[in-house]
C-alpha atoms as a PDB file:
ATOM      1  CA  MET A   1      78.928  17.103 168.061  1.00  0.00           C
ATOM      2  CA  LYS A   2      81.673  18.076 165.576  1.00  0.00           C
ATOM      3  CA  TRP A   3      79.090  18.563 162.826  1.00  0.00           C
ATOM      4  CA  PHE A   4      76.986  20.781 165.082  1.00  0.00           C
ATOM      5  CA  THR A   5      80.006  22.939 165.928  1.00  0.00           C
ATOM      6  CA  MET A   6      80.949  23.201 162.257  1.00  0.00           C
ATOM      7  CA  LEU A   7      77.369  24.087 161.303  1.00  0.00           C
ATOM      8  CA  CYS A   8      77.241  26.830 163.956  1.00  0.00           C
ATOM      9  CA  PHE A   9      80.532  28.239 162.688  1.00  0.00           C
ATOM     10  CA  VAL A  10      79.350  28.258 159.063  1.00  0.00           C
ATOM     11  CA  LEU A  11      76.040  29.880 159.999  1.00  0.00           C
ATOM     12  CA  MET A  12      77.869  32.515 162.034  1.00  0.00           C
ATOM     13  CA  LEU A  13      80.251  33.223 159.153  1.00  0.00           C
ATOM     14  CA  PHE A  14      77.517  33.598 156.545  1.00  0.00           C
ATOM     15  CA  GLY A  15      75.232  35.431 158.940  1.00  0.00           C
ATOM     16  CA  CYS A  16      77.754  38.248 159.149  1.00  0.00           C
ATOM     17  CA  SER A  17      76.808  40.511 156.323  1.00  0.00           C
ATOM     18  CA  ILE A  18      78.646  43.104 154.322  1.00  0.00           C
ATOM     19  CA  SER A  19      76.517  45.387 152.197  1.00  0.00           C
ATOM     20  CA  GLN A  20      77.038  47.951 149.502  1.00  0.00           C
ATOM     21  CA  GLN A  21      74.359  50.186 148.032  1.00  0.00           C
ATOM     22  CA  VAL A  22      74.974  52.737 145.277  1.00  0.00           C
ATOM     23  CA  ASP A  23      72.490  55.186 143.785  1.00  0.00           C
ATOM     24  CA  PRO A  24      74.464  56.684 140.858  1.00  0.00           C
ATOM     25  CA  VAL A  25      74.553  60.393 140.134  1.00  0.00           C
ATOM     26  CA  PRO A  26      72.494  61.034 136.983  1.00  0.00           C
ATOM     27  CA  ARG A  27      74.483  61.957 133.898  1.00  0.00           C
ATOM     28  CA  MET A  28      74.966  65.710 133.916  1.00  0.00           C
ATOM     29  CA  GLU A  29      77.641  68.186 133.021  1.00  0.00           C
ATOM     30  CA  ILE A  30      79.848  68.519 136.084  1.00  0.00           C
ATOM     31  CA  GLU A  31      83.107  70.402 136.072  1.00  0.00           C
ATOM     32  CA  ASN A  32      83.691  70.999 139.767  1.00  0.00           C
ATOM     33  CA  ILE A  33      82.690  69.053 142.822  1.00  0.00           C
ATOM     34  CA  CYS A  34      82.915  70.837 146.159  1.00  0.00           C
ATOM     35  CA  ILE A  35      83.660  68.443 149.024  1.00  0.00           C
ATOM     36  CA  ILE A  36      82.621  69.325 152.555  1.00  0.00           C
ATOM     37  CA  GLU A  37      85.523  68.574 154.887  1.00  0.00           C
ATOM     38  CA  ASN A  38      84.958  65.937 157.556  1.00  0.00           C
ATOM     39  CA  PRO A  39      87.882  66.145 160.002  1.00  0.00           C
ATOM     40  CA  ASP A  40      86.591  63.093 161.906  1.00  0.00           C
ATOM     41  CA  VAL A  41      87.558  60.827 158.979  1.00  0.00           C
ATOM     42  CA  ARG A  42      91.104  59.579 158.433  1.00  0.00           C
ATOM     43  CA  GLU A  43      93.002  61.817 156.019  1.00  0.00           C
ATOM     44  CA  GLY A  44      93.721  58.917 153.650  1.00  0.00           C
ATOM     45  CA  PHE A  45      90.024  58.698 152.798  1.00  0.00           C
ATOM     46  CA  ILE A  46      89.767  62.197 151.333  1.00  0.00           C
ATOM     47  CA  GLU A  47      93.034  61.720 149.463  1.00  0.00           C
ATOM     48  CA  ALA A  48      91.702  58.517 147.861  1.00  0.00           C
ATOM     49  CA  TYR A  49      88.313  60.127 147.153  1.00  0.00           C
ATOM     50  CA  ARG A  50      89.827  63.186 145.470  1.00  0.00           C
ATOM     51  CA  SER A  51      92.230  60.987 143.486  1.00  0.00           C
ATOM     52  CA  ALA A  52      89.350  58.806 142.246  1.00  0.00           C
ATOM     53  CA  LEU A  53      87.353  61.890 141.192  1.00  0.00           C
ATOM     54  CA  ASP A  54      90.428  63.380 139.512  1.00  0.00           C
ATOM     55  CA  SER A  55      90.994  60.182 137.507  1.00  0.00           C
ATOM     56  CA  LYS A  56      87.457  60.594 136.117  1.00  0.00           C
ATOM     57  CA  GLY A  57      88.222  64.193 135.082  1.00  0.00           C
ATOM     58  CA  PHE A  58      86.423  66.027 137.892  1.00  0.00           C
ATOM     59  CA  GLN A  59      87.954  69.068 139.565  1.00  0.00           C
ATOM     60  CA  THR A  60      87.518  69.207 143.331  1.00  0.00           C
ATOM     61  CA  LYS A  61      87.441  72.020 145.840  1.00  0.00           C
ATOM     62  CA  MET A  62      87.441  71.526 149.602  1.00  0.00           C
ATOM     63  CA  LEU A  63      84.883  73.393 151.695  1.00  0.00           C
ATOM     64  CA  MET A  64      84.980  73.969 155.447  1.00  0.00           C
ATOM     65  CA  LYS A  65      83.109  71.474 157.623  1.00  0.00           C
ATOM     66  CA  SER A  66      80.486  74.124 158.428  1.00  0.00           C
ATOM     67  CA  SER A  67      79.509  74.394 154.738  1.00  0.00           C
ATOM     68  CA  LEU A  68      76.097  73.327 153.456  1.00  0.00           C
ATOM     69  CA  PRO A  69      75.245  71.085 150.472  1.00  0.00           C
ATOM     70  CA  ASP A  70      73.865  74.080 148.556  1.00  0.00           C
ATOM     71  CA  ASP A  71      77.071  76.149 148.875  1.00  0.00           C
ATOM     72  CA  CYS A  72      78.166  74.924 145.416  1.00  0.00           C
ATOM     73  CA  PRO A  73      76.191  73.691 142.380  1.00  0.00           C
ATOM     74  CA  VAL A  74      77.560  70.146 142.987  1.00  0.00           C
ATOM     75  CA  THR A  75      78.623  69.259 146.515  1.00  0.00           C
ATOM     76  CA  SER A  76      79.663  66.049 148.221  1.00  0.00           C
ATOM     77  CA  SER A  77      79.804  64.978 151.840  1.00  0.00           C
ATOM     78  CA  TYR A  78      81.454  61.873 153.208  1.00  0.00           C
ATOM     79  CA  THR A  79      81.960  59.871 156.347  1.00  0.00           C
ATOM     80  CA  ALA A  80      83.888  56.713 157.070  1.00  0.00           C
ATOM     81  CA  ASN A  81      85.212  54.780 160.006  1.00  0.00           C
ATOM     82  CA  TRP A  82      87.725  52.085 160.667  1.00  0.00           C
ATOM     83  CA  ARG A  83      87.728  49.161 163.087  1.00  0.00           C
ATOM     84  CA  TRP A  84      90.339  46.865 164.589  1.00  0.00           C
ATOM     85  CA  ASP A  85      89.950  43.080 164.333  1.00  0.00           C
ATOM     86  CA  LEU A  86      93.370  41.494 163.942  1.00  0.00           C
ATOM     87  CA  LEU A  87      93.929  44.214 161.316  1.00  0.00           C
ATOM     88  CA  PHE A  88      92.834  47.826 160.954  1.00  0.00           C
ATOM     89  CA  TYR A  89      90.209  48.004 158.202  1.00  0.00           C
ATOM     90  CA  MET A  90      87.640  50.420 156.765  1.00  0.00           C
ATOM     91  CA  ALA A  91      84.331  49.218 158.187  1.00  0.00           C
ATOM     92  CA  PHE A  92      81.973  51.869 156.831  1.00  0.00           C
ATOM     93  CA  ALA A  93      81.940  54.564 154.131  1.00  0.00           C
ATOM     94  CA  ASP A  94      79.190  56.895 152.945  1.00  0.00           C
ATOM     95  CA  ILE A  95      79.608  59.344 150.058  1.00  0.00           C
ATOM     96  CA  THR A  96      76.650  61.572 149.215  1.00  0.00           C
ATOM     97  CA  VAL A  97      76.401  63.946 146.238  1.00  0.00           C
ATOM     98  CA  TYR A  98      74.088  66.965 146.041  1.00  0.00           C
ATOM     99  CA  THR A  99      73.056  69.227 143.189  1.00  0.00           C
ATOM    100  CA  ASN A 100      71.823  72.627 144.337  1.00  0.00           C
ATOM    101  CA  GLY A 101      71.306  71.200 147.818  1.00  0.00           C
ATOM    102  CA  MET A 102      69.230  68.179 146.704  1.00  0.00           C
ATOM    103  CA  ARG A 103      70.656  64.674 147.096  1.00  0.00           C
ATOM    104  CA  VAL A 104      71.241  63.136 143.656  1.00  0.00           C
ATOM    105  CA  GLY A 105      73.501  60.187 144.461  1.00  0.00           C
ATOM    106  CA  ARG A 106      74.840  58.117 147.303  1.00  0.00           C
ATOM    107  CA  ALA A 107      77.275  55.247 147.817  1.00  0.00           C
ATOM    108  CA  VAL A 108      77.394  53.280 151.076  1.00  0.00           C
ATOM    109  CA  TYR A 109      79.741  50.447 152.005  1.00  0.00           C
ATOM    110  CA  ASP A 110      78.954  48.777 155.334  1.00  0.00           C
ATOM    111  CA  SER A 111      80.833  45.880 156.904  1.00  0.00           C
ATOM    112  CA  LEU A 112      79.864  46.739 160.489  1.00  0.00           C
ATOM    113  CA  GLY A 113      77.711  43.599 160.619  1.00  0.00           C
ATOM    114  CA  GLY A 114      80.470  41.467 159.112  1.00  0.00           C
ATOM    115  CA  SER A 115      82.351  40.688 162.308  1.00  0.00           C
ATOM    116  CA  GLY A 116      83.099  37.065 161.402  1.00  0.00           C
ATOM    117  CA  ASN A 117      83.445  37.622 157.679  1.00  0.00           C
ATOM    118  CA  PRO A 118      87.058  37.809 156.423  1.00  0.00           C
ATOM    119  CA  ALA A 119      85.878  39.707 153.317  1.00  0.00           C
ATOM    120  CA  LYS A 120      85.739  42.837 155.489  1.00  0.00           C
ATOM    121  CA  PHE A 121      89.522  43.157 155.214  1.00  0.00           C
ATOM    122  CA  ILE A 122      89.486  45.222 152.034  1.00  0.00           C
ATOM    123  CA  ASN A 123      91.917  47.714 150.571  1.00  0.00           C
ATOM    124  CA  ALA A 124      90.209  50.997 151.493  1.00  0.00           C
ATOM    125  CA  GLU A 125      91.650  52.959 148.567  1.00  0.00           C
ATOM    126  CA  ASN A 126      90.418  50.368 146.061  1.00  0.00           C
ATOM    127  CA  LYS A 127      86.975  50.310 147.701  1.00  0.00           C
ATOM    128  CA  ILE A 128      86.719  54.122 147.552  1.00  0.00           C
ATOM    129  CA  ARG A 129      87.687  54.055 143.865  1.00  0.00           C
ATOM    130  CA  GLU A 130      85.054  51.347 143.230  1.00  0.00           C
ATOM    131  CA  LEU A 131      82.390  53.430 145.006  1.00  0.00           C
ATOM    132  CA  VAL A 132      83.307  56.508 142.941  1.00  0.00           C
ATOM    133  CA  ASP A 133      83.208  54.485 139.705  1.00  0.00           C
ATOM    134  CA  LEU A 134      79.723  53.237 140.593  1.00  0.00           C
ATOM    135  CA  LEU A 135      78.559  56.639 141.838  1.00  0.00           C
ATOM    136  CA  PHE A 136      79.796  58.388 138.676  1.00  0.00           C
ATOM    137  CA  PRO A 137      79.484  55.777 135.890  1.00  0.00           C
ATOM    138  CA  TYR A 138      80.743  58.376 133.406  1.00  0.00           C
ATOM    139  CA  SER A 139      83.719  60.705 133.293  1.00  0.00           C
ATOM    140  CA  ALA A 140      83.693  64.478 133.389  1.00  0.00           C
ATOM    141  CA  THR A 141      85.857  64.675 130.281  1.00  0.00           C
ATOM    142  CA  ALA A 142      83.384  62.581 128.278  1.00  0.00           C
ATOM    143  CA  GLU A 143      80.606  64.963 129.245  1.00  0.00           C
ATOM    144  CA  ARG A 144      82.512  67.960 127.879  1.00  0.00           C
ATOM    145  CA  THR A 145      83.470  66.268 124.625  1.00  0.00           C
ATOM    146  CA  THR A 146      81.615  67.701 121.673  1.00  0.00           C
ATOM    147  CA  VAL A 147      81.268  66.295 118.205  1.00  0.00           C
ATOM    148  CA  ALA A 148      82.225  68.615 115.383  1.00  0.00           C
ATOM    149  CA  PRO A 149      79.412  69.174 112.871  1.00  0.00           C
ATOM    150  CA  ALA A 150      79.734  67.347 109.539  1.00  0.00           C
ATOM    151  CA  HIS A 151      80.634  69.512 106.559  1.00  0.00           C
END
């Protein structure tokens, strides 16, 4: 009976999935990224997102929540939510990037199905930075660097 109980526990633990899917933004010259405000998301998320973009050399501008993805040449939307399970943790995050209104990249972290998985207790700021690094596998400053012609 003990083995059966242990087996059920192990199956429950591994059956609780956490997923992450990233479709990187193609390499392009980006100076500014307009971010559509989402007031339903904790303020710490947008602070971490803007900080991660800034560390890669991107300038950001906040747009009102009623803005559309084609209001700027490069626009981003985001959503995230937190859950309580012994600790408060970020359970879901979705960052989408648009160029001229067309989706060109997306990063999704989803631990909503990970109820029994202790790996769901992540540092949200680190996870947001990881998503940005995967979404933009290059820096804005590298894109603007030019090589001087040989003389």
